[in-house]
N, C-alpha and C. Protein backbone atom coordinates (compact mmCIF):
# COMPACT_ATOMS: atom_id res chain seq x y z
N UNK A 1 -15.61 -13.89 -10.93
CA UNK A 1 -15.63 -13.10 -9.93
C UNK A 1 -16.47 -12.00 -10.35
N UNK A 2 -17.15 -11.46 -9.24
CA UNK A 2 -17.87 -10.10 -9.90
C UNK A 2 -16.90 -9.09 -9.85
N UNK A 3 -17.39 -7.65 -10.36
CA UNK A 3 -17.01 -6.40 -10.55
C UNK A 3 -16.44 -5.80 -9.43
N UNK A 4 -17.33 -6.08 -8.21
CA UNK A 4 -17.00 -5.52 -7.21
C UNK A 4 -15.65 -6.07 -6.45
N UNK A 5 -15.42 -7.58 -6.83
CA UNK A 5 -14.26 -8.32 -6.33
C UNK A 5 -12.97 -7.80 -6.75
N UNK A 6 -13.03 -7.94 -8.16
CA UNK A 6 -12.08 -7.31 -8.96
C UNK A 6 -11.64 -5.97 -8.90
N UNK A 7 -12.47 -4.92 -8.36
CA UNK A 7 -12.38 -3.84 -7.95
C UNK A 7 -11.27 -3.89 -6.42
N UNK A 8 -12.35 -4.42 -5.81
CA UNK A 8 -11.20 -4.59 -4.17
C UNK A 8 -9.99 -5.34 -4.65
N UNK A 9 -9.76 -6.19 -5.18
CA UNK A 9 -8.61 -7.13 -5.44
C UNK A 9 -7.46 -6.05 -5.81
N UNK A 10 -7.87 -5.20 -6.99
CA UNK A 10 -7.07 -4.49 -7.73
C UNK A 10 -6.63 -3.26 -6.45
N UNK A 11 -7.53 -2.81 -5.68
CA UNK A 11 -7.25 -1.32 -4.79
C UNK A 11 -6.21 -2.13 -3.76
N UNK A 12 -6.40 -3.50 -3.47
CA UNK A 12 -5.36 -4.40 -2.30
C UNK A 12 -4.00 -3.96 -3.00
N UNK A 13 -4.08 -4.76 -4.24
CA UNK A 13 -2.51 -4.52 -4.94
C UNK A 13 -2.04 -3.32 -4.94
N UNK A 14 -2.77 -2.25 -4.89
CA UNK A 14 -2.21 -1.09 -5.50
C UNK A 14 -1.79 -0.61 -4.35
N UNK A 15 -2.48 -0.64 -3.05
CA UNK A 15 -1.97 -0.39 -1.76
C UNK A 15 -0.73 -1.25 -1.36
N UNK A 16 -0.91 -2.27 -1.79
CA UNK A 16 0.61 -3.37 -1.53
C UNK A 16 1.64 -2.51 -2.09
N UNK A 17 1.93 -2.32 -3.45
CA UNK A 17 2.92 -1.49 -4.31
C UNK A 17 2.96 -0.20 -3.93
N UNK A 18 2.12 0.66 -3.30
CA UNK A 18 2.38 1.86 -2.74
C UNK A 18 3.25 1.59 -1.23
N UNK A 19 2.97 0.68 -0.63
CA UNK A 19 3.63 0.33 0.56
C UNK A 19 5.52 0.12 0.25
N UNK A 20 5.17 -0.66 -0.79
CA UNK A 20 6.46 -1.34 -1.10
C UNK A 20 7.43 -0.17 -1.69
N UNK A 21 6.78 0.64 -2.48
CA UNK A 21 7.25 1.98 -3.02
C UNK A 21 7.96 2.98 -2.21
N UNK A 22 6.97 2.93 -0.91
CA UNK A 22 7.36 3.97 0.27
C UNK A 22 8.63 3.43 0.67
N UNK A 23 8.73 2.09 0.96
CA UNK A 23 9.58 1.21 1.76
C UNK A 23 10.99 1.44 0.96
N UNK A 24 10.85 1.23 -0.30
CA UNK A 24 12.31 1.17 -1.16
C UNK A 24 12.76 2.39 -1.28
N UNK A 25 11.78 3.32 -1.74
CA UNK A 25 12.39 4.55 -2.41
C UNK A 25 12.33 6.01 -1.45
N UNK A 26 11.49 6.02 -0.62
CA UNK A 26 11.45 7.10 0.23
C UNK A 26 11.82 6.94 1.37
N UNK A 27 12.99 7.42 2.28
CA UNK A 27 13.77 7.27 3.28
C UNK A 27 13.27 7.86 4.55
N UNK A 28 12.75 8.86 4.35
CA UNK A 28 12.52 9.84 5.35
C UNK A 28 11.78 9.23 6.68
N UNK A 29 12.02 9.72 7.70
CA UNK A 29 11.11 8.84 8.91
C UNK A 29 9.91 9.13 8.79
N UNK A 30 9.08 10.14 8.48
CA UNK A 30 7.63 10.58 8.31
C UNK A 30 6.95 9.53 7.72
N UNK A 31 7.74 8.99 6.34
CA UNK A 31 7.03 8.01 5.54
C UNK A 31 7.17 6.69 6.23
N UNK A 32 8.42 6.36 6.78
CA UNK A 32 8.22 4.97 7.84
C UNK A 32 7.41 5.00 8.65
N UNK A 33 7.13 6.35 9.15
CA UNK A 33 5.75 6.24 10.58
C UNK A 33 4.25 5.93 9.93
N UNK A 34 4.22 6.48 8.10
CA UNK A 34 2.99 6.24 7.81
C UNK A 34 2.83 4.54 7.45
N UNK A 35 3.87 4.18 6.77
CA UNK A 35 3.80 2.70 6.22
C UNK A 35 3.69 1.81 7.49
N UNK A 36 4.08 2.04 8.61
CA UNK A 36 4.04 1.38 9.89
C UNK A 36 2.54 1.64 10.41
N UNK A 37 1.88 2.86 10.18
CA UNK A 37 0.30 2.77 10.74
C UNK A 37 -0.37 2.15 9.66
N UNK A 38 -0.12 2.25 8.37
CA UNK A 38 -0.72 1.63 7.16
C UNK A 38 -0.97 -0.15 7.49
N UNK A 39 0.26 -0.50 7.73
CA UNK A 39 0.45 -1.91 8.02
C UNK A 39 -0.27 -2.37 9.38
N UNK A 40 -0.54 -1.60 9.99
CA UNK A 40 -0.80 -2.02 11.26
C UNK A 40 0.05 -2.15 12.51
């Protein structure tokens, strides 16, 4: 893979884990809205 592909894959993985973090630890309604917006 090219370095650009590796960087994009890493960013997608970080976004996935960030969303999972929000869903599992932060329980305010505002964060739930943000997660839903990110997920489409």
